[in-house]
Amino acid sequence: MNKKLLSLIIAGCICTVSSMSAAPGIISADAAQLIASLRGISVEKDVIAVGESLPLVFDWSNGALPEVTFSSSDESVAAVDEKGVITGISSGTAVISASVNPKAAPKTVTVTVSDEVTESVTYNTSEMKLGDKFRKYDVLHCDTPNKGRAANVVNTKGSYDVVFISEGDYRLPFDAELVGIDGLYIYLAPQIDGITYLDGRTLNPGDTIDRSTHLLCYDYVINRCVFPVFLPEYYGKYIGEGTIRLKEIDHEKKTITLEAVSEDAPTLSGDVNKDGEVSVADAVMLQKWLMNAADAELGDWTAADLNGNGRLDAFDMCLMRKLLSQEEPAEESAE
């Protein structure tokens, strides 16, 4: 048998074995693909207005998304299209079902429709301005790359939660006010009775601030602490009694320093514990505070700011010792 014929026979055998290894119904490793499973569906609004449309929210596992079929238990109340968008038809309730496998139970969500609620409004970020107020469930849509790509949403912990609106429309979970615009970022704050929001960039040194005001947009420096949001509860906790006044603003560093000014009597320099006199007890308290002692509590931190730089440090401690070492006016001079 010549070599050419032998090579053809061997090649044919290899092809036969290869084709036999891929038996019907068996998927090779290269062809295998992970298919996502639908864990649940939900709606971002408690009650849908008649005539209002909004998409279902899907909870998927990892993997390629399969086709989904939808149905409504009562299309006279709520209809759902092939993309999973629900439309309120009339007042009532309906169960919306989503199925990816006819052999498995569908995922469902109960939808309430009412003619007594108003339809949510979609706002474009390019048209927003300071002071705009939004209702719960309104939608923010990023329609320009130059404004509102992300939102800093004020939380009750004295900071922000960041929402990237450019990656998808943001449906508000509460009534909110637009309290700051900084290029690509906007600042949103929930509307709370008795609380006024203020954009710190609009302030000037010497401005007084109401203690119910919620300060935003700049970092607020009090002693050695920095707060991205200054809550009403912080005034008494970190600044003390008196009129709250803006001491210094640095637009380049985006920082604001606040202070409390007593209207009753001028601050006695060195009287840290506010007992009306300067003594060793004040120096001890300041030293404890600088060492982060648990029982250190300054009655008036501005009285300890002896060099007037808006923060407390070792230099103030040195000036405190110098102040205590100064001799009192000698009564013998009157003899």
C-alpha atoms as a PDB file:
ATOM      1  CA  MET A   1       0.000   0.000   0.000  1.00  0.00           C
ATOM      2  CA  ASN A   2       1.504   3.327  -0.953  1.00  0.00           C
ATOM      3  CA  LYS A   3       2.000   6.108   1.559  1.00  0.00           C
ATOM      4  CA  LYS A   4      -0.592   8.415  -0.035  1.00  0.00           C
ATOM      5  CA  LEU A   5      -3.388   5.823   0.234  1.00  0.00           C
ATOM      6  CA  LEU A   6      -2.409   5.007   3.830  1.00  0.00           C
ATOM      7  CA  SER A   7      -2.607   8.692   4.804  1.00  0.00           C
ATOM      8  CA  LEU A   8      -6.115   8.996   3.348  1.00  0.00           C
ATOM      9  CA  ILE A   9      -7.317   5.919   5.257  1.00  0.00           C
ATOM     10  CA  ILE A  10      -5.924   7.238   8.565  1.00  0.00           C
ATOM     11  CA  ALA A  11      -7.489  10.678   8.010  1.00  0.00           C
ATOM     12  CA  GLY A  12     -10.850   9.083   7.328  1.00  0.00           C
ATOM     13  CA  CYS A  13     -10.682   7.096  10.537  1.00  0.00           C
ATOM     14  CA  ILE A  14      -9.881  10.215  12.562  1.00  0.00           C
ATOM     15  CA  CYS A  15     -12.823  12.087  11.047  1.00  0.00           C
ATOM     16  CA  THR A  16     -15.147   9.147  11.778  1.00  0.00           C
ATOM     17  CA  VAL A  17     -14.076   8.966  15.423  1.00  0.00           C
ATOM     18  CA  SER A  18     -14.408  12.721  15.792  1.00  0.00           C
ATOM     19  CA  SER A  19     -17.943  12.730  14.397  1.00  0.00           C
ATOM     20  CA  MET A  20     -18.985   9.826  16.603  1.00  0.00           C
ATOM     21  CA  SER A  21     -17.772  11.614  19.762  1.00  0.00           C
ATOM     22  CA  ALA A  22     -20.395  14.374  19.304  1.00  0.00           C
ATOM     23  CA  ALA A  23     -23.404  12.155  19.934  1.00  0.00           C
ATOM     24  CA  PRO A  24     -26.938  13.557  19.423  1.00  0.00           C
ATOM     25  CA  GLY A  25     -28.221  15.454  22.472  1.00  0.00           C
ATOM     26  CA  ILE A  26     -24.745  16.018  23.956  1.00  0.00           C
ATOM     27  CA  ILE A  27     -23.416  19.605  23.896  1.00  0.00           C
ATOM     28  CA  SER A  28     -19.672  20.013  23.752  1.00  0.00           C
ATOM     29  CA  ALA A  29     -17.883  22.241  26.265  1.00  0.00           C
ATOM     30  CA  ASP A  30     -17.242  24.872  23.614  1.00  0.00           C
ATOM     31  CA  ALA A  31     -20.935  25.032  22.719  1.00  0.00           C
ATOM     32  CA  ALA A  32     -22.202  25.135  26.333  1.00  0.00           C
ATOM     33  CA  GLN A  33     -23.701  28.443  27.504  1.00  0.00           C
ATOM     34  CA  LEU A  34     -24.993  29.439  30.913  1.00  0.00           C
ATOM     35  CA  ILE A  35     -28.614  30.560  30.745  1.00  0.00           C
ATOM     36  CA  ALA A  36     -29.830  33.021  33.378  1.00  0.00           C
ATOM     37  CA  SER A  37     -32.789  32.126  35.550  1.00  0.00           C
ATOM     38  CA  LEU A  38     -35.503  34.618  36.492  1.00  0.00           C
ATOM     39  CA  ARG A  39     -35.604  34.948  40.278  1.00  0.00           C
ATOM     40  CA  GLY A  40     -38.408  37.495  40.498  1.00  0.00           C
ATOM     41  CA  ILE A  41     -40.143  40.561  39.071  1.00  0.00           C
ATOM     42  CA  SER A  42     -41.282  43.796  40.707  1.00  0.00           C
ATOM     43  CA  VAL A  43     -42.705  47.245  40.014  1.00  0.00           C
ATOM     44  CA  GLU A  44     -41.004  50.488  41.125  1.00  0.00           C
ATOM     45  CA  LYS A  45     -44.280  52.199  42.023  1.00  0.00           C
ATOM     46  CA  ASP A  46     -46.824  51.187  44.650  1.00  0.00           C
ATOM     47  CA  VAL A  47     -49.836  52.399  42.672  1.00  0.00           C
ATOM     48  CA  ILE A  48     -49.936  53.030  38.916  1.00  0.00           C
ATOM     49  CA  ALA A  49     -52.076  55.809  37.503  1.00  0.00           C
ATOM     50  CA  VAL A  50     -54.669  55.069  34.853  1.00  0.00           C
ATOM     51  CA  GLY A  51     -52.942  55.589  31.512  1.00  0.00           C
ATOM     52  CA  GLU A  52     -49.463  55.354  33.005  1.00  0.00           C
ATOM     53  CA  SER A  53     -46.858  52.931  31.663  1.00  0.00           C
ATOM     54  CA  LEU A  54     -43.752  51.642  33.398  1.00  0.00           C
ATOM     55  CA  PRO A  55     -41.458  48.660  32.875  1.00  0.00           C
ATOM     56  CA  LEU A  56     -41.184  45.611  35.078  1.00  0.00           C
ATOM     57  CA  VAL A  57     -37.973  45.214  37.076  1.00  0.00           C
ATOM     58  CA  PHE A  58     -36.290  41.828  36.636  1.00  0.00           C
ATOM     59  CA  ASP A  59     -34.075  39.977  39.090  1.00  0.00           C
ATOM     60  CA  TRP A  60     -31.817  37.726  36.992  1.00  0.00           C
ATOM     61  CA  SER A  61     -29.067  35.311  37.924  1.00  0.00           C
ATOM     62  CA  ASN A  62     -25.844  35.353  35.906  1.00  0.00           C
ATOM     63  CA  GLY A  63     -25.957  34.114  32.334  1.00  0.00           C
ATOM     64  CA  ALA A  64     -27.471  34.807  28.932  1.00  0.00           C
ATOM     65  CA  LEU A  65     -31.007  36.197  29.119  1.00  0.00           C
ATOM     66  CA  PRO A  66     -33.688  33.911  27.678  1.00  0.00           C
ATOM     67  CA  GLU A  67     -36.933  35.000  26.055  1.00  0.00           C
ATOM     68  CA  VAL A  68     -39.738  35.951  28.431  1.00  0.00           C
ATOM     69  CA  THR A  69     -43.473  35.763  27.888  1.00  0.00           C
ATOM     70  CA  PHE A  70     -45.858  37.988  29.837  1.00  0.00           C
ATOM     71  CA  SER A  71     -49.523  37.896  30.748  1.00  0.00           C
ATOM     72  CA  SER A  72     -52.034  39.755  32.899  1.00  0.00           C
ATOM     73  CA  SER A  73     -54.764  38.205  35.009  1.00  0.00           C
ATOM     74  CA  ASP A  74     -57.064  41.115  34.108  1.00  0.00           C
ATOM     75  CA  GLU A  75     -56.224  43.132  31.009  1.00  0.00           C
ATOM     76  CA  SER A  76     -59.131  45.474  31.711  1.00  0.00           C
ATOM     77  CA  VAL A  77     -57.138  46.689  34.745  1.00  0.00           C
ATOM     78  CA  ALA A  78     -53.508  46.387  33.630  1.00  0.00           C
ATOM     79  CA  ALA A  79     -52.037  45.290  30.311  1.00  0.00           C
ATOM     80  CA  VAL A  80     -48.465  44.140  29.699  1.00  0.00           C
ATOM     81  CA  ASP A  81     -46.708  44.085  26.320  1.00  0.00           C
ATOM     82  CA  GLU A  82     -44.060  41.745  24.929  1.00  0.00           C
ATOM     83  CA  LYS A  83     -41.270  43.877  26.458  1.00  0.00           C
ATOM     84  CA  GLY A  84     -42.678  43.736  29.977  1.00  0.00           C
ATOM     85  CA  VAL A  85     -44.064  47.282  30.039  1.00  0.00           C
ATOM     86  CA  ILE A  86     -47.222  47.584  32.152  1.00  0.00           C
ATOM     87  CA  THR A  87     -49.990  50.070  31.350  1.00  0.00           C
ATOM     88  CA  GLY A  88     -52.764  50.996  33.784  1.00  0.00           C
ATOM     89  CA  ILE A  89     -56.194  50.668  32.142  1.00  0.00           C
ATOM     90  CA  SER A  90     -58.683  51.126  34.985  1.00  0.00           C
ATOM     91  CA  SER A  91     -58.803  51.110  38.780  1.00  0.00           C
ATOM     92  CA  GLY A  92     -58.288  47.730  40.382  1.00  0.00           C
ATOM     93  CA  THR A  93     -55.640  45.045  40.836  1.00  0.00           C
ATOM     94  CA  ALA A  94     -54.147  42.530  38.439  1.00  0.00           C
ATOM     95  CA  VAL A  95     -51.456  39.873  38.645  1.00  0.00           C
ATOM     96  CA  ILE A  96     -48.679  40.201  36.059  1.00  0.00           C
ATOM     97  CA  SER A  97     -46.859  36.966  35.202  1.00  0.00           C
ATOM     98  CA  ALA A  98     -43.493  36.433  33.551  1.00  0.00           C
ATOM     99  CA  SER A  99     -42.408  33.013  32.312  1.00  0.00           C
ATOM    100  CA  VAL A 100     -39.185  31.736  30.750  1.00  0.00           C
ATOM    101  CA  ASN A 101     -39.975  28.007  30.963  1.00  0.00           C
ATOM    102  CA  PRO A 102     -43.450  26.592  30.323  1.00  0.00           C
ATOM    103  CA  LYS A 103     -42.668  23.688  32.648  1.00  0.00           C
ATOM    104  CA  ALA A 104     -41.822  25.974  35.599  1.00  0.00           C
ATOM    105  CA  ALA A 105     -44.104  28.223  37.643  1.00  0.00           C
ATOM    106  CA  PRO A 106     -44.053  31.839  36.390  1.00  0.00           C
ATOM    107  CA  LYS A 107     -42.848  34.783  38.485  1.00  0.00           C
ATOM    108  CA  THR A 108     -45.642  37.141  39.451  1.00  0.00           C
ATOM    109  CA  VAL A 109     -46.292  40.575  40.884  1.00  0.00           C
ATOM    110  CA  THR A 110     -49.578  42.175  41.918  1.00  0.00           C
ATOM    111  CA  VAL A 111     -50.191  45.584  40.362  1.00  0.00           C
ATOM    112  CA  THR A 112     -52.587  48.203  41.710  1.00  0.00           C
ATOM    113  CA  VAL A 113     -54.066  50.796  39.347  1.00  0.00           C
ATOM    114  CA  SER A 114     -55.959  53.893  40.496  1.00  0.00           C
ATOM    115  CA  ASP A 115     -57.491  56.948  38.872  1.00  0.00           C
ATOM    116  CA  GLU A 116     -56.817  58.915  42.071  1.00  0.00           C
ATOM    117  CA  VAL A 117     -53.021  59.059  41.668  1.00  0.00           C
ATOM    118  CA  THR A 118     -51.110  61.203  39.187  1.00  0.00           C
ATOM    119  CA  GLU A 119     -48.795  59.869  36.543  1.00  0.00           C
ATOM    120  CA  SER A 120     -45.066  60.114  37.225  1.00  0.00           C
ATOM    121  CA  VAL A 121     -43.148  62.753  35.270  1.00  0.00           C
ATOM    122  CA  THR A 122     -39.829  62.253  33.473  1.00  0.00           C
ATOM    123  CA  TYR A 123     -37.351  65.154  33.780  1.00  0.00           C
ATOM    124  CA  ASN A 124     -34.332  65.719  31.531  1.00  0.00           C
ATOM    125  CA  THR A 125     -31.171  66.649  33.434  1.00  0.00           C
ATOM    126  CA  SER A 126     -30.288  69.328  30.855  1.00  0.00           C
ATOM    127  CA  GLU A 127     -33.398  71.304  31.870  1.00  0.00           C
ATOM    128  CA  MET A 128     -32.982  71.082  35.644  1.00  0.00           C
ATOM    129  CA  LYS A 129     -32.222  74.110  37.822  1.00  0.00           C
ATOM    130  CA  LEU A 130     -31.605  74.787  41.501  1.00  0.00           C
ATOM    131  CA  GLY A 131     -34.738  74.611  43.601  1.00  0.00           C
ATOM    132  CA  ASP A 132     -36.611  72.214  41.320  1.00  0.00           C
ATOM    133  CA  LYS A 133     -38.839  69.891  43.319  1.00  0.00           C
ATOM    134  CA  PHE A 134     -39.740  66.359  42.344  1.00  0.00           C
ATOM    135  CA  ARG A 135     -42.345  63.920  43.571  1.00  0.00           C
ATOM    136  CA  LYS A 136     -41.818  60.379  44.682  1.00  0.00           C
ATOM    137  CA  TYR A 137     -41.622  58.042  41.654  1.00  0.00           C
ATOM    138  CA  ASP A 138     -40.734  60.832  39.209  1.00  0.00           C
ATOM    139  CA  VAL A 139     -37.994  59.798  36.769  1.00  0.00           C
ATOM    140  CA  LEU A 140     -34.705  61.603  36.102  1.00  0.00           C
ATOM    141  CA  HIS A 141     -33.286  61.067  32.621  1.00  0.00           C
ATOM    142  CA  CYS A 142     -29.748  62.024  31.564  1.00  0.00           C
ATOM    143  CA  ASP A 143     -30.075  63.552  28.090  1.00  0.00           C
ATOM    144  CA  THR A 144     -26.685  65.289  27.916  1.00  0.00           C
ATOM    145  CA  PRO A 145     -23.118  64.238  28.803  1.00  0.00           C
ATOM    146  CA  ASN A 146     -22.406  67.672  30.287  1.00  0.00           C
ATOM    147  CA  LYS A 147     -24.915  67.789  33.129  1.00  0.00           C
ATOM    148  CA  GLY A 148     -26.475  65.350  35.548  1.00  0.00           C
ATOM    149  CA  ARG A 149     -24.588  62.190  34.600  1.00  0.00           C
ATOM    150  CA  ALA A 150     -24.672  61.263  38.294  1.00  0.00           C
ATOM    151  CA  ALA A 151     -26.631  62.331  41.365  1.00  0.00           C
ATOM    152  CA  ASN A 152     -25.366  62.691  44.914  1.00  0.00           C
ATOM    153  CA  VAL A 153     -28.424  61.729  46.945  1.00  0.00           C
ATOM    154  CA  VAL A 154     -28.299  63.004  50.519  1.00  0.00           C
ATOM    155  CA  ASN A 155     -28.789  60.333  53.165  1.00  0.00           C
ATOM    156  CA  THR A 156     -29.411  60.579  56.906  1.00  0.00           C
ATOM    157  CA  LYS A 157     -25.857  59.454  57.737  1.00  0.00           C
ATOM    158  CA  GLY A 158     -24.331  62.793  56.817  1.00  0.00           C
ATOM    159  CA  SER A 159     -23.112  61.752  53.385  1.00  0.00           C
ATOM    160  CA  TYR A 160     -24.304  60.909  49.873  1.00  0.00           C
ATOM    161  CA  ASP A 161     -25.395  57.856  47.933  1.00  0.00           C
ATOM    162  CA  VAL A 162     -24.198  58.093  44.327  1.00  0.00           C
ATOM    163  CA  VAL A 163     -26.610  57.207  41.523  1.00  0.00           C
ATOM    164  CA  PHE A 164     -25.279  57.069  37.942  1.00  0.00           C
ATOM    165  CA  ILE A 165     -28.202  58.412  35.940  1.00  0.00           C
ATOM    166  CA  SER A 166     -26.270  58.115  32.670  1.00  0.00           C
ATOM    167  CA  GLU A 167     -26.382  54.321  33.048  1.00  0.00           C
ATOM    168  CA  GLY A 168     -30.162  54.243  33.395  1.00  0.00           C
ATOM    169  CA  ASP A 169     -33.137  56.405  34.366  1.00  0.00           C
ATOM    170  CA  TYR A 170     -33.467  57.025  38.102  1.00  0.00           C
ATOM    171  CA  ARG A 171     -36.915  56.739  39.683  1.00  0.00           C
ATOM    172  CA  LEU A 172     -37.008  58.758  42.899  1.00  0.00           C
ATOM    173  CA  PRO A 173     -37.893  56.812  46.056  1.00  0.00           C
ATOM    174  CA  PHE A 174     -39.026  60.007  47.835  1.00  0.00           C
ATOM    175  CA  ASP A 175     -40.082  63.606  47.285  1.00  0.00           C
ATOM    176  CA  ALA A 176     -36.875  65.517  46.614  1.00  0.00           C
ATOM    177  CA  GLU A 177     -35.395  68.917  45.848  1.00  0.00           C
ATOM    178  CA  LEU A 178     -32.505  69.772  43.537  1.00  0.00           C
ATOM    179  CA  VAL A 179     -30.142  71.548  45.935  1.00  0.00           C
ATOM    180  CA  GLY A 180     -26.900  71.675  43.988  1.00  0.00           C
ATOM    181  CA  ILE A 181     -25.476  71.505  40.468  1.00  0.00           C
ATOM    182  CA  ASP A 182     -21.753  70.938  39.979  1.00  0.00           C
ATOM    183  CA  GLY A 183     -21.011  70.149  36.348  1.00  0.00           C
ATOM    184  CA  LEU A 184     -21.609  66.458  35.779  1.00  0.00           C
ATOM    185  CA  TYR A 185     -23.106  66.027  39.274  1.00  0.00           C
ATOM    186  CA  ILE A 186     -26.413  67.130  40.688  1.00  0.00           C
ATOM    187  CA  TYR A 187     -27.335  67.083  44.388  1.00  0.00           C
ATOM    188  CA  LEU A 188     -30.703  65.731  45.483  1.00  0.00           C
ATOM    189  CA  ALA A 189     -32.156  65.927  48.971  1.00  0.00           C
ATOM    190  CA  PRO A 190     -35.362  64.427  50.377  1.00  0.00           C
ATOM    191  CA  GLN A 191     -38.001  66.942  51.372  1.00  0.00           C
ATOM    192  CA  ILE A 192     -38.434  66.927  55.155  1.00  0.00           C
ATOM    193  CA  ASP A 193     -40.718  69.274  57.068  1.00  0.00           C
ATOM    194  CA  GLY A 194     -38.739  71.917  58.951  1.00  0.00           C
ATOM    195  CA  ILE A 195     -35.481  71.331  57.070  1.00  0.00           C
ATOM    196  CA  THR A 196     -34.025  73.888  54.666  1.00  0.00           C
ATOM    197  CA  TYR A 197     -31.320  72.833  52.212  1.00  0.00           C
ATOM    198  CA  LEU A 198     -28.570  75.255  51.267  1.00  0.00           C
ATOM    199  CA  ASP A 199     -25.888  75.107  48.573  1.00  0.00           C
ATOM    200  CA  GLY A 200     -22.692  76.045  50.441  1.00  0.00           C
ATOM    201  CA  ARG A 201     -21.193  77.602  47.307  1.00  0.00           C
ATOM    202  CA  THR A 202     -23.676  80.465  47.553  1.00  0.00           C
ATOM    203  CA  LEU A 203     -22.404  81.516  51.005  1.00  0.00           C
ATOM    204  CA  ASN A 204     -19.876  84.198  51.942  1.00  0.00           C
ATOM    205  CA  PRO A 205     -17.649  84.715  55.010  1.00  0.00           C
ATOM    206  CA  GLY A 206     -19.661  86.278  57.826  1.00  0.00           C
ATOM    207  CA  ASP A 207     -23.000  84.807  56.698  1.00  0.00           C
ATOM    208  CA  THR A 208     -25.132  83.455  59.530  1.00  0.00           C
ATOM    209  CA  ILE A 209     -26.844  80.101  59.161  1.00  0.00           C
ATOM    210  CA  ASP A 210     -30.063  78.880  60.712  1.00  0.00           C
ATOM    211  CA  ARG A 211     -29.556  75.759  62.819  1.00  0.00           C
ATOM    212  CA  SER A 212     -32.300  73.921  60.939  1.00  0.00           C
ATOM    213  CA  THR A 213     -30.386  74.327  57.674  1.00  0.00           C
ATOM    214  CA  HIS A 214     -28.969  71.277  55.939  1.00  0.00           C
ATOM    215  CA  LEU A 215     -25.674  72.357  54.285  1.00  0.00           C
ATOM    216  CA  LEU A 216     -24.552  70.701  51.056  1.00  0.00           C
ATOM    217  CA  CYS A 217     -22.131  70.693  48.108  1.00  0.00           C
ATOM    218  CA  TYR A 218     -18.861  71.681  49.876  1.00  0.00           C
ATOM    219  CA  ASP A 219     -16.898  69.914  52.626  1.00  0.00           C
ATOM    220  CA  TYR A 220     -17.509  71.412  56.066  1.00  0.00           C
ATOM    221  CA  VAL A 221     -14.490  71.618  58.373  1.00  0.00           C
ATOM    222  CA  ILE A 222     -14.999  71.669  62.135  1.00  0.00           C
ATOM    223  CA  ASN A 223     -11.800  71.255  64.176  1.00  0.00           C
ATOM    224  CA  ARG A 224     -10.221  68.151  62.666  1.00  0.00           C
ATOM    225  CA  CYS A 225     -13.474  66.720  61.282  1.00  0.00           C
ATOM    226  CA  VAL A 226     -14.634  67.030  57.667  1.00  0.00           C
ATOM    227  CA  PHE A 227     -18.283  66.524  56.701  1.00  0.00           C
ATOM    228  CA  PRO A 228     -19.509  66.258  53.084  1.00  0.00           C
ATOM    229  CA  VAL A 229     -22.992  67.127  54.367  1.00  0.00           C
ATOM    230  CA  PHE A 230     -23.707  69.134  57.502  1.00  0.00           C
ATOM    231  CA  LEU A 231     -26.867  67.983  59.246  1.00  0.00           C
ATOM    232  CA  PRO A 232     -28.886  70.131  61.673  1.00  0.00           C
ATOM    233  CA  GLU A 233     -27.952  67.822  64.561  1.00  0.00           C
ATOM    234  CA  TYR A 234     -24.263  68.563  63.986  1.00  0.00           C
ATOM    235  CA  TYR A 235     -24.436  72.243  64.985  1.00  0.00           C
ATOM    236  CA  GLY A 236     -24.796  71.582  68.703  1.00  0.00           C
ATOM    237  CA  LYS A 237     -22.682  68.430  68.653  1.00  0.00           C
ATOM    238  CA  TYR A 238     -19.619  69.776  66.860  1.00  0.00           C
ATOM    239  CA  ILE A 239     -19.818  73.589  67.023  1.00  0.00           C
ATOM    240  CA  GLY A 240     -21.613  74.456  70.259  1.00  0.00           C
ATOM    241  CA  GLU A 241     -24.032  77.133  71.359  1.00  0.00           C
ATOM    242  CA  GLY A 242     -24.404  80.536  69.761  1.00  0.00           C
ATOM    243  CA  THR A 243     -25.030  81.935  66.309  1.00  0.00           C
ATOM    244  CA  ILE A 244     -23.644  79.761  63.512  1.00  0.00           C
ATOM    245  CA  ARG A 245     -21.461  81.811  61.217  1.00  0.00           C
ATOM    246  CA  LEU A 246     -19.367  81.020  58.161  1.00  0.00           C
ATOM    247  CA  LYS A 247     -15.807  81.782  59.174  1.00  0.00           C
ATOM    248  CA  GLU A 248     -13.921  80.891  56.001  1.00  0.00           C
ATOM    249  CA  ILE A 249     -14.609  79.531  52.522  1.00  0.00           C
ATOM    250  CA  ASP A 250     -12.047  78.104  50.122  1.00  0.00           C
ATOM    251  CA  HIS A 251     -13.527  77.687  46.642  1.00  0.00           C
ATOM    252  CA  GLU A 252     -10.371  76.032  45.307  1.00  0.00           C
ATOM    253  CA  LYS A 253     -10.373  73.294  47.965  1.00  0.00           C
ATOM    254  CA  LYS A 254     -14.181  73.370  48.169  1.00  0.00           C
ATOM    255  CA  THR A 255     -14.185  73.663  51.952  1.00  0.00           C
ATOM    256  CA  ILE A 256     -16.122  75.793  54.432  1.00  0.00           C
ATOM    257  CA  THR A 257     -15.197  76.465  58.060  1.00  0.00           C
ATOM    258  CA  LEU A 258     -18.046  77.205  60.460  1.00  0.00           C
ATOM    259  CA  GLU A 259     -17.994  78.724  63.931  1.00  0.00           C
ATOM    260  CA  ALA A 260     -20.398  79.580  66.730  1.00  0.00           C
ATOM    261  CA  VAL A 261     -20.500  83.161  67.965  1.00  0.00           C
ATOM    262  CA  SER A 262     -22.006  83.956  71.352  1.00  0.00           C
ATOM    263  CA  GLU A 263     -24.361  86.914  71.343  1.00  0.00           C
ATOM    264  CA  ASP A 264     -24.467  87.213  75.133  1.00  0.00           C
ATOM    265  CA  ALA A 265     -20.803  87.685  75.957  1.00  0.00           C
ATOM    266  CA  PRO A 266     -17.504  87.556  74.117  1.00  0.00           C
ATOM    267  CA  THR A 267     -15.563  84.306  74.265  1.00  0.00           C
ATOM    268  CA  LEU A 268     -12.929  84.233  76.984  1.00  0.00           C
ATOM    269  CA  SER A 269      -9.766  82.952  75.348  1.00  0.00           C
ATOM    270  CA  GLY A 270      -8.587  79.819  77.099  1.00  0.00           C
ATOM    271  CA  ASP A 271     -11.868  79.171  78.941  1.00  0.00           C
ATOM    272  CA  VAL A 272     -12.312  75.760  77.348  1.00  0.00           C
ATOM    273  CA  ASN A 273     -14.688  74.364  79.968  1.00  0.00           C
ATOM    274  CA  LYS A 274     -16.809  77.573  80.054  1.00  0.00           C
ATOM    275  CA  ASP A 275     -16.595  78.059  83.800  1.00  0.00           C
ATOM    276  CA  GLY A 276     -15.899  81.775  83.418  1.00  0.00           C
ATOM    277  CA  GLU A 277     -12.161  81.656  84.118  1.00  0.00           C
ATOM    278  CA  VAL A 278      -8.936  80.369  82.639  1.00  0.00           C
ATOM    279  CA  SER A 279      -7.187  77.784  84.799  1.00  0.00           C
ATOM    280  CA  VAL A 280      -5.143  74.608  84.763  1.00  0.00           C
ATOM    281  CA  ALA A 281      -8.413  72.710  84.346  1.00  0.00           C
ATOM    282  CA  ASP A 282      -8.775  74.231  80.871  1.00  0.00           C
ATOM    283  CA  ALA A 283      -5.267  73.138  79.901  1.00  0.00           C
ATOM    284  CA  VAL A 284      -5.941  69.604  81.154  1.00  0.00           C
ATOM    285  CA  MET A 285      -9.182  69.403  79.186  1.00  0.00           C
ATOM    286  CA  LEU A 286      -7.521  70.664  75.999  1.00  0.00           C
ATOM    287  CA  GLN A 287      -4.683  68.180  76.379  1.00  0.00           C
ATOM    288  CA  LYS A 288      -7.143  65.323  76.873  1.00  0.00           C
ATOM    289  CA  TRP A 289      -9.050  66.400  73.779  1.00  0.00           C
ATOM    290  CA  LEU A 290      -5.876  66.537  71.677  1.00  0.00           C
ATOM    291  CA  MET A 291      -5.038  63.015  72.868  1.00  0.00           C
ATOM    292  CA  ASN A 292      -8.551  61.783  71.950  1.00  0.00           C
ATOM    293  CA  ALA A 293      -9.413  60.882  75.541  1.00  0.00           C
ATOM    294  CA  ALA A 294     -12.888  59.387  75.879  1.00  0.00           C
ATOM    295  CA  ASP A 295     -13.957  61.840  78.616  1.00  0.00           C
ATOM    296  CA  ALA A 296     -12.715  64.955  76.797  1.00  0.00           C
ATOM    297  CA  GLU A 297     -15.547  67.335  75.951  1.00  0.00           C
ATOM    298  CA  LEU A 298     -14.888  70.957  75.112  1.00  0.00           C
ATOM    299  CA  GLY A 299     -17.468  73.423  76.340  1.00  0.00           C
ATOM    300  CA  ASP A 300     -16.327  75.990  73.772  1.00  0.00           C
ATOM    301  CA  TRP A 301     -13.739  74.880  71.240  1.00  0.00           C
ATOM    302  CA  THR A 302     -13.319  78.431  69.896  1.00  0.00           C
ATOM    303  CA  ALA A 303     -11.929  79.463  73.282  1.00  0.00           C
ATOM    304  CA  ALA A 304      -9.157  76.896  72.793  1.00  0.00           C
ATOM    305  CA  ASP A 305      -8.320  78.138  69.288  1.00  0.00           C
ATOM    306  CA  LEU A 306      -5.764  80.554  70.684  1.00  0.00           C
ATOM    307  CA  ASN A 307      -3.886  81.127  67.427  1.00  0.00           C
ATOM    308  CA  GLY A 308      -7.158  81.700  65.546  1.00  0.00           C
ATOM    309  CA  ASN A 309      -6.479  79.334  62.649  1.00  0.00           C
ATOM    310  CA  GLY A 310      -9.828  77.552  62.866  1.00  0.00           C
ATOM    311  CA  ARG A 311      -8.496  74.241  64.235  1.00  0.00           C
ATOM    312  CA  LEU A 312      -7.094  72.872  67.466  1.00  0.00           C
ATOM    313  CA  ASP A 313      -3.565  71.478  67.630  1.00  0.00           C
ATOM    314  CA  ALA A 314      -0.341  71.418  69.666  1.00  0.00           C
ATOM    315  CA  PHE A 315       0.270  75.098  68.928  1.00  0.00           C
ATOM    316  CA  ASP A 316      -2.890  75.997  70.845  1.00  0.00           C
ATOM    317  CA  MET A 317      -1.650  73.865  73.738  1.00  0.00           C
ATOM    318  CA  CYS A 318       1.610  75.817  73.799  1.00  0.00           C
ATOM    319  CA  LEU A 319      -0.263  79.116  73.813  1.00  0.00           C
ATOM    320  CA  MET A 320      -2.497  77.821  76.606  1.00  0.00           C
ATOM    321  CA  ARG A 321       0.535  77.080  78.778  1.00  0.00           C
ATOM    322  CA  LYS A 322       1.962  80.489  77.973  1.00  0.00           C
ATOM    323  CA  LEU A 323      -1.337  82.105  78.915  1.00  0.00           C
ATOM    324  CA  LEU A 324      -1.395  80.316  82.268  1.00  0.00           C
ATOM    325  CA  SER A 325       2.201  81.218  82.993  1.00  0.00           C
ATOM    326  CA  GLN A 326       1.533  84.925  82.674  1.00  0.00           C
ATOM    327  CA  GLU A 327       1.420  86.663  86.016  1.00  0.00           C
ATOM    328  CA  GLU A 328      -1.862  88.157  87.158  1.00  0.00           C
ATOM    329  CA  PRO A 329      -1.794  91.942  87.718  1.00  0.00           C
ATOM    330  CA  ALA A 330      -0.010  92.331  91.027  1.00  0.00           C
ATOM    331  CA  GLU A 331      -2.252  93.673  93.766  1.00  0.00           C
ATOM    332  CA  GLU A 332       0.908  94.843  95.606  1.00  0.00           C
ATOM    333  CA  SER A 333       1.278  97.618  93.023  1.00  0.00           C
ATOM    334  CA  ALA A 334      -1.700  99.336  94.572  1.00  0.00           C
ATOM    335  CA  GLU A 335       0.037  99.699  97.941  1.00  0.00           C
END
